């Protein structure tokens, strides 16, 4: 403090400095939430391309790196923050942001849809991000239609495509419990008839 400064002036300066510090801290936290776009490469606003996050990343639920930001000592996925800022929709805990571009680092709100985890899993299967490729599943379906056993198909997929597919997975495909999004009239009829027979046997 300045020498010989009156006590009331010194007290006011300390109080004003404290208020100023609080305002600065508050604005820093606020800008971190509202100004996430400063750390996003928006490619001059091009809606077609992915906008990459240039800040920190953290591990996601499947141990994959995803863009994250810390706000008030809490961690958020950046694309969730962007989606809420852009649309004004407050995401519920059970709601997820689905990327139509399949790029988990993308923060372009034009590439985002809101949905449930079930929707997200359906997207993954439909776009072949996980599991067996569609053309392999269809090959399995063709062999099932001509009466091949699950064990035979498992062996053929290993010999012909170097794929380790357990017979139990082939049976699940036949009963339409997996890959149901792939149209297969024969499989639908088989699974329906099979379940009807099993239900009749249990009733007897």
N, C-alpha and C. Protein backbone atom coordinates (compact mmCIF):
# COMPACT_ATOMS: atom_id res chain seq x y z
N UNK A 1 0.82 -1.20 0.00
CA UNK A 1 0.00 0.00 0.00
C UNK A 1 0.86 1.26 0.00
N UNK A 2 0.26 2.37 -0.49
CA UNK A 2 0.99 3.62 -0.51
C UNK A 2 1.15 4.15 0.91
N UNK A 3 2.35 4.68 1.20
CA UNK A 3 2.62 5.23 2.53
C UNK A 3 1.69 6.39 2.82
N UNK A 4 1.26 6.47 4.08
CA UNK A 4 0.38 7.53 4.57
C UNK A 4 -1.00 7.52 3.89
N UNK A 5 -1.40 6.38 3.24
CA UNK A 5 -2.73 6.29 2.63
C UNK A 5 -3.77 6.16 3.73
N UNK A 6 -4.83 6.97 3.71
CA UNK A 6 -5.87 6.85 4.73
C UNK A 6 -6.43 5.43 4.79
N UNK A 7 -6.80 5.00 5.98
CA UNK A 7 -7.26 3.62 6.18
C UNK A 7 -8.47 3.29 5.33
N UNK A 8 -9.43 4.21 5.21
CA UNK A 8 -10.65 3.92 4.46
C UNK A 8 -10.37 3.79 2.96
N UNK A 9 -9.37 4.56 2.46
CA UNK A 9 -9.01 4.46 1.04
C UNK A 9 -8.33 3.12 0.78
N UNK A 10 -7.43 2.75 1.68
CA UNK A 10 -6.74 1.47 1.55
C UNK A 10 -7.73 0.31 1.58
N UNK A 11 -8.70 0.39 2.47
CA UNK A 11 -9.71 -0.67 2.59
C UNK A 11 -10.53 -0.78 1.31
N UNK A 12 -10.88 0.37 0.73
CA UNK A 12 -11.65 0.37 -0.52
C UNK A 12 -10.85 -0.25 -1.66
N UNK A 13 -9.53 0.06 -1.70
CA UNK A 13 -8.69 -0.50 -2.76
C UNK A 13 -8.60 -2.02 -2.65
N UNK A 14 -8.47 -2.53 -1.43
CA UNK A 14 -8.42 -3.97 -1.22
C UNK A 14 -9.74 -4.61 -1.64
N UNK A 15 -10.85 -4.00 -1.26
CA UNK A 15 -12.17 -4.54 -1.61
C UNK A 15 -12.37 -4.55 -3.11
N UNK A 16 -11.97 -3.44 -3.77
CA UNK A 16 -12.13 -3.36 -5.23
C UNK A 16 -11.26 -4.38 -5.94
N UNK A 17 -10.02 -4.58 -5.40
CA UNK A 17 -9.12 -5.57 -6.00
C UNK A 17 -9.71 -6.96 -5.89
N UNK A 18 -10.33 -7.28 -4.73
CA UNK A 18 -10.96 -8.59 -4.52
C UNK A 18 -12.12 -8.79 -5.49
N UNK A 19 -12.95 -7.75 -5.65
CA UNK A 19 -14.08 -7.84 -6.58
C UNK A 19 -13.59 -8.03 -8.01
N UNK A 20 -12.52 -7.29 -8.37
CA UNK A 20 -11.97 -7.37 -9.71
C UNK A 20 -11.44 -8.79 -9.99
N UNK A 21 -10.78 -9.37 -8.99
CA UNK A 21 -10.24 -10.73 -9.12
C UNK A 21 -11.36 -11.73 -9.31
N UNK A 22 -12.43 -11.58 -8.52
CA UNK A 22 -13.57 -12.49 -8.64
C UNK A 22 -14.21 -12.38 -10.02
N UNK A 23 -14.32 -11.12 -10.53
CA UNK A 23 -14.92 -10.93 -11.85
C UNK A 23 -14.07 -11.61 -12.93
N UNK A 24 -12.73 -11.46 -12.80
CA UNK A 24 -11.84 -12.06 -13.77
C UNK A 24 -11.93 -13.57 -13.74
N UNK A 25 -11.95 -14.12 -12.52
CA UNK A 25 -12.07 -15.58 -12.40
C UNK A 25 -13.39 -16.06 -12.95
N UNK A 26 -14.46 -15.32 -12.62
CA UNK A 26 -15.77 -15.71 -13.12
C UNK A 26 -15.85 -15.65 -14.62
N UNK A 27 -15.26 -14.59 -15.22
CA UNK A 27 -15.31 -14.47 -16.67
C UNK A 27 -14.48 -15.55 -17.32
N UNK A 28 -13.37 -15.97 -16.65
CA UNK A 28 -12.53 -17.03 -17.21
C UNK A 28 -13.29 -18.34 -17.26
N UNK A 29 -13.99 -18.66 -16.15
CA UNK A 29 -14.77 -19.89 -16.12
C UNK A 29 -15.92 -19.82 -17.13
N UNK A 30 -16.54 -18.63 -17.21
CA UNK A 30 -17.66 -18.48 -18.13
C UNK A 30 -17.18 -18.62 -19.58
N UNK A 31 -16.04 -18.00 -19.91
CA UNK A 31 -15.55 -18.06 -21.28
C UNK A 31 -15.14 -19.48 -21.64
N UNK A 32 -14.66 -20.23 -20.65
CA UNK A 32 -14.28 -21.61 -20.93
C UNK A 32 -15.48 -22.43 -21.37
N UNK A 33 -16.65 -22.08 -20.84
CA UNK A 33 -17.87 -22.79 -21.22
C UNK A 33 -18.44 -22.26 -22.52
N UNK A 34 -18.52 -20.94 -22.65
CA UNK A 34 -19.20 -20.35 -23.80
C UNK A 34 -18.28 -20.12 -25.00
N UNK A 35 -16.98 -20.15 -24.78
CA UNK A 35 -16.06 -19.86 -25.87
C UNK A 35 -15.24 -21.08 -26.28
N UNK A 36 -15.84 -22.27 -26.19
CA UNK A 36 -15.13 -23.48 -26.61
C UNK A 36 -14.78 -23.42 -28.09
N UNK A 37 -15.52 -22.60 -28.84
CA UNK A 37 -15.26 -22.50 -30.28
C UNK A 37 -13.88 -21.92 -30.58
N UNK A 38 -13.27 -21.25 -29.59
CA UNK A 38 -11.93 -20.72 -29.81
C UNK A 38 -10.92 -21.84 -30.04
N UNK A 39 -11.20 -23.02 -29.49
CA UNK A 39 -10.26 -24.14 -29.62
C UNK A 39 -10.77 -25.19 -30.61
N UNK A 40 -11.67 -24.79 -31.48
CA UNK A 40 -12.20 -25.69 -32.51
C UNK A 40 -11.82 -25.14 -33.88
N UNK A 41 -11.27 -25.99 -34.71
CA UNK A 41 -10.97 -25.59 -36.09
C UNK A 41 -12.27 -25.73 -36.88
N UNK A 42 -12.92 -24.59 -37.11
CA UNK A 42 -14.24 -24.59 -37.76
C UNK A 42 -14.16 -24.48 -39.28
N UNK A 43 -12.96 -24.48 -39.83
CA UNK A 43 -12.78 -24.46 -41.29
C UNK A 43 -13.63 -23.38 -41.96
N UNK A 44 -13.55 -22.18 -41.36
CA UNK A 44 -14.29 -21.02 -41.91
C UNK A 44 -15.79 -21.25 -41.99
N UNK A 45 -16.31 -22.08 -41.06
CA UNK A 45 -17.75 -22.28 -41.00
C UNK A 45 -18.30 -23.28 -42.00
N UNK A 46 -17.42 -24.05 -42.65
CA UNK A 46 -17.86 -25.04 -43.63
C UNK A 46 -18.68 -26.13 -42.92
N UNK A 47 -19.96 -26.25 -43.27
CA UNK A 47 -20.84 -27.21 -42.61
C UNK A 47 -20.56 -28.66 -43.02
N UNK A 48 -19.91 -28.85 -44.15
CA UNK A 48 -19.73 -30.19 -44.69
C UNK A 48 -18.57 -30.95 -44.03
N UNK A 49 -17.52 -30.23 -43.63
CA UNK A 49 -16.34 -30.90 -43.09
C UNK A 49 -16.42 -31.00 -41.57
N UNK A 50 -15.62 -31.90 -41.00
CA UNK A 50 -15.58 -32.06 -39.54
C UNK A 50 -14.79 -30.91 -38.92
N UNK A 51 -15.23 -30.45 -37.78
CA UNK A 51 -14.54 -29.40 -37.04
C UNK A 51 -13.77 -30.06 -35.90
N UNK A 52 -12.44 -30.00 -35.94
CA UNK A 52 -11.62 -30.70 -34.97
C UNK A 52 -11.36 -29.86 -33.72
N UNK A 53 -11.39 -30.53 -32.59
CA UNK A 53 -11.08 -29.90 -31.31
C UNK A 53 -9.57 -29.82 -31.15
N UNK A 54 -9.06 -28.64 -30.77
CA UNK A 54 -7.63 -28.41 -30.63
C UNK A 54 -7.18 -28.38 -29.17
N UNK A 55 -8.08 -28.74 -28.27
CA UNK A 55 -7.74 -28.74 -26.85
C UNK A 55 -7.41 -30.13 -26.34
N UNK A 56 -7.65 -30.33 -25.05
CA UNK A 56 -7.30 -31.59 -24.40
C UNK A 56 -8.29 -32.70 -24.76
N UNK A 57 -7.82 -33.93 -24.63
CA UNK A 57 -8.65 -35.11 -24.86
C UNK A 57 -8.60 -36.02 -23.63
N UNK A 58 -9.62 -36.82 -23.48
CA UNK A 58 -9.66 -37.79 -22.39
C UNK A 58 -10.23 -39.10 -22.88
N UNK A 59 -10.06 -40.15 -22.10
CA UNK A 59 -10.55 -41.46 -22.49
C UNK A 59 -12.06 -41.55 -22.35
N UNK A 60 -12.72 -42.11 -23.36
CA UNK A 60 -14.16 -42.31 -23.32
C UNK A 60 -14.53 -43.63 -22.65
N UNK A 61 -15.80 -43.99 -22.71
CA UNK A 61 -16.27 -45.21 -22.05
C UNK A 61 -15.72 -46.48 -22.67
N UNK A 62 -15.33 -46.41 -23.96
CA UNK A 62 -14.75 -47.58 -24.62
C UNK A 62 -13.23 -47.43 -24.79
N UNK A 63 -12.65 -46.60 -23.88
CA UNK A 63 -11.20 -46.38 -23.87
C UNK A 63 -10.67 -45.75 -25.16
N UNK A 64 -11.50 -44.93 -25.80
CA UNK A 64 -11.07 -44.20 -26.98
C UNK A 64 -10.92 -42.73 -26.61
N UNK A 65 -10.00 -42.02 -27.26
CA UNK A 65 -9.74 -40.62 -26.95
C UNK A 65 -10.84 -39.73 -27.54
N UNK A 66 -11.38 -38.86 -26.68
CA UNK A 66 -12.44 -37.96 -27.11
C UNK A 66 -12.14 -36.55 -26.59
N UNK A 67 -12.61 -35.51 -27.31
CA UNK A 67 -12.36 -34.13 -26.88
C UNK A 67 -13.11 -33.81 -25.59
N UNK A 68 -12.36 -33.29 -24.61
CA UNK A 68 -12.97 -32.99 -23.32
C UNK A 68 -12.53 -31.62 -22.85
N UNK A 69 -13.37 -31.00 -22.02
CA UNK A 69 -13.06 -29.70 -21.45
C UNK A 69 -13.47 -29.72 -19.98
N UNK A 70 -12.68 -29.06 -19.14
CA UNK A 70 -12.98 -28.97 -17.71
C UNK A 70 -13.63 -27.62 -17.42
N UNK A 71 -14.79 -27.66 -16.79
CA UNK A 71 -15.53 -26.45 -16.45
C UNK A 71 -16.00 -26.58 -15.01
N UNK A 72 -15.59 -25.65 -14.17
CA UNK A 72 -15.95 -25.70 -12.74
C UNK A 72 -15.60 -27.06 -12.13
N UNK A 73 -14.40 -27.55 -12.47
CA UNK A 73 -13.89 -28.81 -11.94
C UNK A 73 -14.70 -30.03 -12.38
N UNK A 74 -15.50 -29.87 -13.42
CA UNK A 74 -16.24 -30.99 -13.99
C UNK A 74 -15.80 -31.18 -15.44
N UNK A 75 -15.78 -32.42 -15.89
CA UNK A 75 -15.34 -32.72 -17.25
C UNK A 75 -16.54 -32.99 -18.15
N UNK A 76 -16.49 -32.43 -19.35
CA UNK A 76 -17.57 -32.59 -20.33
C UNK A 76 -16.96 -32.97 -21.68
N UNK A 77 -17.70 -33.76 -22.45
CA UNK A 77 -17.33 -33.95 -23.85
C UNK A 77 -17.65 -32.66 -24.58
N UNK A 78 -16.68 -32.18 -25.36
CA UNK A 78 -16.84 -30.88 -26.01
C UNK A 78 -18.04 -30.86 -26.94
N UNK A 79 -18.26 -31.95 -27.68
CA UNK A 79 -19.36 -31.94 -28.64
C UNK A 79 -20.72 -31.85 -27.94
N UNK A 80 -20.81 -32.32 -26.70
CA UNK A 80 -22.07 -32.16 -25.95
C UNK A 80 -22.28 -30.69 -25.61
N UNK A 81 -21.19 -30.01 -25.22
CA UNK A 81 -21.27 -28.59 -24.92
C UNK A 81 -21.68 -27.82 -26.17
N UNK A 82 -21.03 -28.13 -27.29
CA UNK A 82 -21.31 -27.45 -28.55
C UNK A 82 -22.76 -27.67 -28.96
N UNK A 83 -23.23 -28.92 -28.86
CA UNK A 83 -24.61 -29.23 -29.27
C UNK A 83 -25.60 -28.41 -28.45
N UNK A 84 -25.37 -28.32 -27.14
CA UNK A 84 -26.30 -27.59 -26.28
C UNK A 84 -26.26 -26.09 -26.56
N UNK A 85 -25.05 -25.57 -26.79
CA UNK A 85 -24.94 -24.15 -27.10
C UNK A 85 -25.60 -23.82 -28.44
N UNK A 86 -25.43 -24.70 -29.42
CA UNK A 86 -25.94 -24.44 -30.77
C UNK A 86 -27.45 -24.60 -30.86
N UNK A 87 -27.99 -25.63 -30.21
CA UNK A 87 -29.42 -25.92 -30.34
C UNK A 87 -30.27 -25.35 -29.22
N UNK A 88 -29.64 -25.06 -28.07
CA UNK A 88 -30.40 -24.60 -26.92
C UNK A 88 -31.07 -25.72 -26.17
N UNK A 89 -30.83 -26.97 -26.60
CA UNK A 89 -31.42 -28.14 -25.95
C UNK A 89 -30.49 -28.65 -24.85
N UNK A 90 -31.01 -28.76 -23.64
CA UNK A 90 -30.23 -29.30 -22.53
C UNK A 90 -30.31 -30.81 -22.55
N UNK A 91 -29.18 -31.45 -22.75
CA UNK A 91 -29.15 -32.90 -22.86
C UNK A 91 -29.40 -33.57 -21.51
N UNK A 92 -30.27 -34.56 -21.51
CA UNK A 92 -30.49 -35.37 -20.32
C UNK A 92 -29.36 -36.39 -20.20
N UNK A 93 -29.22 -36.99 -19.02
CA UNK A 93 -28.13 -37.94 -18.80
C UNK A 93 -28.21 -39.13 -19.75
N UNK A 94 -29.44 -39.56 -20.08
CA UNK A 94 -29.59 -40.75 -20.93
C UNK A 94 -29.45 -40.43 -22.42
N UNK A 95 -29.36 -39.15 -22.75
CA UNK A 95 -29.25 -38.76 -24.16
C UNK A 95 -27.79 -38.69 -24.59
N UNK A 96 -27.52 -39.16 -25.78
CA UNK A 96 -26.16 -39.13 -26.33
C UNK A 96 -26.17 -38.31 -27.62
N UNK A 97 -25.00 -37.79 -27.96
CA UNK A 97 -24.82 -37.09 -29.23
C UNK A 97 -24.25 -38.07 -30.24
N UNK A 98 -24.98 -38.27 -31.33
CA UNK A 98 -24.54 -39.21 -32.37
C UNK A 98 -23.92 -38.43 -33.51
N UNK A 99 -22.75 -38.88 -33.96
CA UNK A 99 -22.05 -38.22 -35.05
C UNK A 99 -22.43 -38.88 -36.38
N UNK A 100 -23.04 -38.12 -37.26
CA UNK A 100 -23.39 -38.67 -38.58
C UNK A 100 -22.14 -38.90 -39.42
N UNK A 101 -21.02 -38.25 -39.04
CA UNK A 101 -19.77 -38.39 -39.78
C UNK A 101 -18.91 -39.52 -39.25
N UNK A 102 -19.32 -40.13 -38.11
CA UNK A 102 -18.56 -41.21 -37.47
C UNK A 102 -17.17 -40.76 -37.03
N UNK A 103 -17.00 -39.47 -36.76
CA UNK A 103 -15.72 -38.93 -36.32
C UNK A 103 -15.90 -38.42 -34.89
N UNK A 104 -15.38 -39.16 -33.92
CA UNK A 104 -15.64 -38.83 -32.51
C UNK A 104 -14.96 -37.54 -32.07
N UNK A 105 -14.02 -37.02 -32.85
CA UNK A 105 -13.38 -35.75 -32.50
C UNK A 105 -14.12 -34.57 -33.11
N UNK A 106 -15.12 -34.82 -33.92
CA UNK A 106 -15.81 -33.75 -34.64
C UNK A 106 -16.69 -32.93 -33.69
N UNK A 107 -16.60 -31.60 -33.81
CA UNK A 107 -17.41 -30.69 -33.00
C UNK A 107 -18.30 -29.82 -33.88
N UNK A 108 -18.56 -30.28 -35.09
CA UNK A 108 -19.45 -29.56 -36.00
C UNK A 108 -20.89 -29.90 -35.64
N UNK A 109 -21.68 -28.92 -35.16
CA UNK A 109 -23.05 -29.21 -34.74
C UNK A 109 -23.94 -29.70 -35.88
N UNK A 110 -23.53 -29.43 -37.13
CA UNK A 110 -24.30 -29.89 -38.28
C UNK A 110 -24.10 -31.39 -38.53
N UNK A 111 -23.15 -31.99 -37.82
CA UNK A 111 -22.88 -33.43 -37.95
C UNK A 111 -23.42 -34.20 -36.75
N UNK A 112 -24.27 -33.56 -35.94
CA UNK A 112 -24.72 -34.17 -34.68
C UNK A 112 -26.23 -34.41 -34.67
N UNK A 113 -26.60 -35.52 -34.06
CA UNK A 113 -27.99 -35.85 -33.78
C UNK A 113 -28.09 -36.29 -32.33
N UNK A 114 -29.19 -35.99 -31.70
CA UNK A 114 -29.38 -36.44 -30.32
C UNK A 114 -30.19 -37.73 -30.34
N UNK A 115 -29.89 -38.64 -29.43
CA UNK A 115 -30.61 -39.91 -29.37
C UNK A 115 -30.27 -40.65 -28.09
N UNK A 116 -30.57 -41.94 -28.07
CA UNK A 116 -30.27 -42.78 -26.91
C UNK A 116 -29.08 -43.67 -27.23
N UNK A 117 -28.59 -44.38 -26.21
CA UNK A 117 -27.48 -45.30 -26.44
C UNK A 117 -27.90 -46.42 -27.40
N UNK A 118 -29.17 -46.81 -27.34
CA UNK A 118 -29.66 -47.83 -28.27
C UNK A 118 -29.57 -47.34 -29.71
N UNK A 119 -29.89 -46.06 -29.92
CA UNK A 119 -29.76 -45.47 -31.25
C UNK A 119 -28.30 -45.47 -31.70
N UNK A 120 -27.40 -45.19 -30.75
CA UNK A 120 -25.97 -45.15 -31.05
C UNK A 120 -25.46 -46.52 -31.46
N UNK A 121 -25.90 -47.56 -30.74
CA UNK A 121 -25.50 -48.92 -31.07
C UNK A 121 -26.02 -49.31 -32.45
N UNK A 122 -27.28 -48.93 -32.74
CA UNK A 122 -27.85 -49.21 -34.06
C UNK A 122 -27.05 -48.52 -35.16
N UNK A 123 -26.60 -47.29 -34.89
CA UNK A 123 -25.76 -46.58 -35.86
C UNK A 123 -24.47 -47.33 -36.11
N UNK A 124 -23.85 -47.83 -35.03
CA UNK A 124 -22.59 -48.54 -35.16
C UNK A 124 -22.74 -49.79 -36.01
N UNK A 125 -23.83 -50.51 -35.78
CA UNK A 125 -24.06 -51.73 -36.55
C UNK A 125 -24.38 -51.41 -38.00
N UNK A 126 -25.23 -50.41 -38.19
CA UNK A 126 -25.65 -50.06 -39.55
C UNK A 126 -24.49 -49.56 -40.39
N UNK A 127 -23.55 -48.85 -39.75
CA UNK A 127 -22.41 -48.29 -40.49
C UNK A 127 -21.18 -49.19 -40.42
N UNK A 128 -21.35 -50.37 -39.86
CA UNK A 128 -20.28 -51.38 -39.80
C UNK A 128 -19.05 -50.87 -39.05
N UNK A 129 -19.28 -50.10 -37.98
CA UNK A 129 -18.15 -49.65 -37.18
C UNK A 129 -17.69 -50.75 -36.23
N UNK A 130 -18.57 -51.68 -35.90
CA UNK A 130 -18.22 -52.80 -35.03
C UNK A 130 -18.85 -54.06 -35.62
N UNK A 131 -18.38 -55.20 -35.14
CA UNK A 131 -18.99 -56.46 -35.54
C UNK A 131 -18.55 -56.94 -36.90
N UNK A 132 -19.35 -57.83 -37.49
CA UNK A 132 -19.04 -58.46 -38.77
C UNK A 132 -19.52 -57.55 -39.90
N UNK A 133 -18.72 -57.44 -40.95
CA UNK A 133 -19.10 -56.64 -42.10
C UNK A 133 -20.38 -57.21 -42.73
N UNK A 134 -21.17 -56.33 -43.33
CA UNK A 134 -22.47 -56.73 -43.89
C UNK A 134 -22.33 -57.84 -44.93
N UNK A 135 -21.32 -57.74 -45.79
CA UNK A 135 -21.23 -58.74 -46.85
C UNK A 135 -20.87 -60.11 -46.30
N UNK A 136 -20.19 -60.15 -45.14
CA UNK A 136 -19.90 -61.43 -44.49
C UNK A 136 -21.17 -62.00 -43.84
N UNK A 137 -21.95 -61.10 -43.22
CA UNK A 137 -23.22 -61.55 -42.60
C UNK A 137 -24.14 -62.10 -43.68
N UNK A 138 -24.20 -61.43 -44.82
CA UNK A 138 -25.07 -61.89 -45.90
C UNK A 138 -24.59 -63.23 -46.45
N UNK A 139 -23.29 -63.44 -46.48
CA UNK A 139 -22.77 -64.74 -46.92
C UNK A 139 -23.19 -65.84 -45.95
N UNK A 140 -23.15 -65.54 -44.66
CA UNK A 140 -23.60 -66.50 -43.64
C UNK A 140 -25.09 -66.79 -43.83
N UNK A 141 -25.87 -65.76 -44.10
CA UNK A 141 -27.31 -65.93 -44.31
C UNK A 141 -27.58 -66.83 -45.52
N UNK A 142 -26.80 -66.64 -46.58
CA UNK A 142 -26.98 -67.48 -47.77
C UNK A 142 -26.71 -68.95 -47.46
N UNK A 143 -25.68 -69.21 -46.67
CA UNK A 143 -25.36 -70.60 -46.31
C UNK A 143 -26.42 -71.20 -45.39
N UNK A 144 -26.98 -70.36 -44.51
CA UNK A 144 -28.05 -70.84 -43.63
C UNK A 144 -29.29 -71.21 -44.44
N UNK A 145 -29.58 -70.45 -45.46
CA UNK A 145 -30.76 -70.70 -46.29
C UNK A 145 -30.70 -72.05 -46.99
N UNK A 146 -29.49 -72.50 -47.34
CA UNK A 146 -29.38 -73.80 -48.05
C UNK A 146 -29.17 -74.95 -47.06
N UNK A 147 -29.30 -74.67 -45.76
CA UNK A 147 -29.28 -75.73 -44.77
C UNK A 147 -27.94 -76.04 -44.12
N UNK A 148 -26.95 -75.18 -44.28
CA UNK A 148 -25.64 -75.42 -43.66
C UNK A 148 -25.75 -75.27 -42.13
N UNK A 149 -25.02 -76.09 -41.42
CA UNK A 149 -25.03 -76.02 -39.96
C UNK A 149 -24.14 -74.87 -39.48
N UNK A 150 -24.33 -74.48 -38.24
CA UNK A 150 -23.53 -73.40 -37.67
C UNK A 150 -22.06 -73.78 -37.61
N UNK A 151 -21.78 -75.02 -37.28
CA UNK A 151 -20.39 -75.49 -37.20
C UNK A 151 -19.73 -75.46 -38.58
N UNK A 152 -20.47 -75.90 -39.62
CA UNK A 152 -19.94 -75.90 -40.98
C UNK A 152 -19.63 -74.46 -41.43
N UNK A 153 -20.56 -73.55 -41.15
CA UNK A 153 -20.39 -72.15 -41.56
C UNK A 153 -19.21 -71.53 -40.84
N UNK A 154 -19.07 -71.84 -39.55
CA UNK A 154 -17.95 -71.31 -38.77
C UNK A 154 -16.63 -71.75 -39.38
N UNK A 155 -16.56 -73.02 -39.78
CA UNK A 155 -15.33 -73.54 -40.38
C UNK A 155 -15.07 -72.90 -41.74
N UNK A 156 -16.11 -72.75 -42.57
CA UNK A 156 -15.96 -72.16 -43.89
C UNK A 156 -15.52 -70.69 -43.81
N UNK A 157 -16.04 -69.95 -42.85
CA UNK A 157 -15.66 -68.55 -42.70
C UNK A 157 -14.20 -68.44 -42.27
N UNK A 158 -13.76 -69.42 -41.49
CA UNK A 158 -12.36 -69.43 -41.07
C UNK A 158 -11.44 -69.80 -42.23
N UNK A 159 -11.85 -70.78 -43.02
CA UNK A 159 -11.02 -71.23 -44.14
C UNK A 159 -11.05 -70.24 -45.31
N UNK A 160 -12.24 -69.70 -45.60
CA UNK A 160 -12.38 -68.85 -46.77
C UNK A 160 -12.05 -67.38 -46.54
N UNK A 161 -12.31 -66.90 -45.31
CA UNK A 161 -12.12 -65.47 -45.04
C UNK A 161 -11.16 -65.19 -43.88
N UNK A 162 -10.60 -66.26 -43.29
CA UNK A 162 -9.71 -66.12 -42.14
C UNK A 162 -10.40 -65.37 -41.00
N UNK A 163 -11.68 -65.70 -40.79
CA UNK A 163 -12.47 -65.06 -39.74
C UNK A 163 -12.83 -66.07 -38.66
N UNK A 164 -12.61 -65.69 -37.42
CA UNK A 164 -12.95 -66.54 -36.28
C UNK A 164 -14.36 -66.20 -35.81
N UNK A 165 -15.35 -66.91 -36.34
CA UNK A 165 -16.74 -66.68 -35.97
C UNK A 165 -17.25 -67.92 -35.25
N UNK A 166 -17.62 -67.75 -34.01
CA UNK A 166 -18.10 -68.88 -33.21
C UNK A 166 -19.45 -69.37 -33.73
N UNK A 167 -19.69 -70.68 -33.69
CA UNK A 167 -21.01 -71.20 -34.12
C UNK A 167 -22.18 -70.57 -33.39
N UNK A 168 -21.97 -70.16 -32.12
CA UNK A 168 -23.06 -69.53 -31.37
C UNK A 168 -23.49 -68.21 -32.02
N UNK A 169 -22.54 -67.49 -32.63
CA UNK A 169 -22.88 -66.25 -33.33
C UNK A 169 -23.70 -66.55 -34.58
N UNK A 170 -23.36 -67.63 -35.27
CA UNK A 170 -24.12 -68.03 -36.45
C UNK A 170 -25.55 -68.36 -36.05
N UNK A 171 -25.73 -69.04 -34.94
CA UNK A 171 -27.08 -69.38 -34.46
C UNK A 171 -27.87 -68.13 -34.11
N UNK A 172 -27.20 -67.13 -33.54
CA UNK A 172 -27.88 -65.87 -33.21
C UNK A 172 -28.33 -65.16 -34.48
N UNK A 173 -27.49 -65.23 -35.52
CA UNK A 173 -27.89 -64.64 -36.81
C UNK A 173 -29.11 -65.36 -37.35
N UNK A 174 -29.10 -66.69 -37.26
CA UNK A 174 -30.22 -67.49 -37.77
C UNK A 174 -31.52 -67.20 -37.03
N UNK A 175 -31.40 -66.95 -35.72
CA UNK A 175 -32.60 -66.68 -34.92
C UNK A 175 -32.96 -65.19 -34.90
N UNK A 176 -32.23 -64.39 -35.65
CA UNK A 176 -32.52 -62.95 -35.82
C UNK A 176 -32.41 -62.18 -34.50
N UNK A 177 -31.50 -62.60 -33.63
CA UNK A 177 -31.26 -61.86 -32.39
C UNK A 177 -30.14 -60.84 -32.55
N UNK A 178 -29.36 -60.97 -33.63
CA UNK A 178 -28.34 -59.97 -33.97
C UNK A 178 -28.43 -59.65 -35.45
N UNK A 179 -27.94 -58.49 -35.84
CA UNK A 179 -27.97 -58.02 -37.23
C UNK A 179 -29.39 -58.02 -37.81
N UNK A 180 -30.34 -57.65 -36.94
CA UNK A 180 -31.74 -57.61 -37.37
C UNK A 180 -32.02 -56.46 -38.34
N UNK A 181 -31.08 -55.51 -38.40
CA UNK A 181 -31.28 -54.36 -39.30
C UNK A 181 -31.03 -54.74 -40.76
N UNK A 182 -30.43 -55.92 -41.01
CA UNK A 182 -30.20 -56.37 -42.38
C UNK A 182 -31.44 -57.14 -42.85
N UNK A 183 -32.10 -56.69 -43.91
CA UNK A 183 -33.30 -57.38 -44.39
C UNK A 183 -33.00 -58.84 -44.74
N UNK A 184 -33.87 -59.74 -44.25
CA UNK A 184 -33.67 -61.17 -44.51
C UNK A 184 -35.01 -61.90 -44.32
N UNK A 185 -35.87 -61.90 -45.31
CA UNK A 185 -37.20 -62.53 -45.19
C UNK A 185 -37.13 -64.00 -44.75
N UNK A 186 -36.20 -64.78 -45.34
CA UNK A 186 -36.08 -66.19 -44.97
C UNK A 186 -35.79 -66.34 -43.48
N UNK A 187 -34.87 -65.52 -42.99
CA UNK A 187 -34.52 -65.57 -41.57
C UNK A 187 -35.68 -65.18 -40.67
N UNK A 188 -36.44 -64.17 -41.09
CA UNK A 188 -37.61 -63.75 -40.30
C UNK A 188 -38.61 -64.89 -40.18
N UNK A 189 -38.88 -65.56 -41.31
CA UNK A 189 -39.84 -66.67 -41.31
C UNK A 189 -39.32 -67.84 -40.48
N UNK A 190 -38.03 -68.13 -40.61
CA UNK A 190 -37.44 -69.25 -39.86
C UNK A 190 -37.52 -68.98 -38.36
N UNK A 191 -37.09 -67.78 -37.94
CA UNK A 191 -37.07 -67.45 -36.51
C UNK A 191 -38.48 -67.47 -35.93
N UNK A 192 -39.45 -66.95 -36.67
CA UNK A 192 -40.84 -66.93 -36.18
C UNK A 192 -41.37 -68.34 -36.02
N UNK A 193 -41.14 -69.20 -37.02
CA UNK A 193 -41.61 -70.59 -36.96
C UNK A 193 -40.91 -71.35 -35.85
N UNK A 194 -39.61 -71.12 -35.69
CA UNK A 194 -38.83 -71.80 -34.65
C UNK A 194 -39.33 -71.44 -33.26
N UNK A 195 -39.59 -70.18 -33.03
CA UNK A 195 -40.08 -69.74 -31.72
C UNK A 195 -41.48 -70.29 -31.46
N UNK A 196 -42.28 -70.38 -32.49
CA UNK A 196 -43.63 -70.94 -32.33
C UNK A 196 -43.56 -72.41 -31.94
N UNK A 197 -42.64 -73.16 -32.57
CA UNK A 197 -42.48 -74.57 -32.22
C UNK A 197 -42.00 -74.75 -30.79
N UNK A 198 -41.05 -73.94 -30.38
CA UNK A 198 -40.54 -74.02 -29.01
C UNK A 198 -41.62 -73.67 -27.98
N UNK A 199 -42.43 -72.67 -28.29
CA UNK A 199 -43.52 -72.29 -27.39
C UNK A 199 -44.54 -73.41 -27.26
N UNK A 200 -44.81 -74.11 -28.37
CA UNK A 200 -45.77 -75.22 -28.35
C UNK A 200 -45.24 -76.37 -27.52
N UNK A 201 -43.94 -76.64 -27.66
CA UNK A 201 -43.33 -77.73 -26.87
C UNK A 201 -43.36 -77.44 -25.38
N UNK A 202 -43.16 -76.19 -25.03
CA UNK A 202 -43.18 -75.82 -23.60
C UNK A 202 -44.59 -75.95 -23.04
N UNK A 203 -45.58 -75.66 -23.89
CA UNK A 203 -46.98 -75.70 -23.42
C UNK A 203 -47.48 -77.12 -23.23
N UNK A 204 -46.88 -78.08 -23.92
CA UNK A 204 -47.36 -79.48 -23.84
C UNK A 204 -46.91 -80.16 -22.54
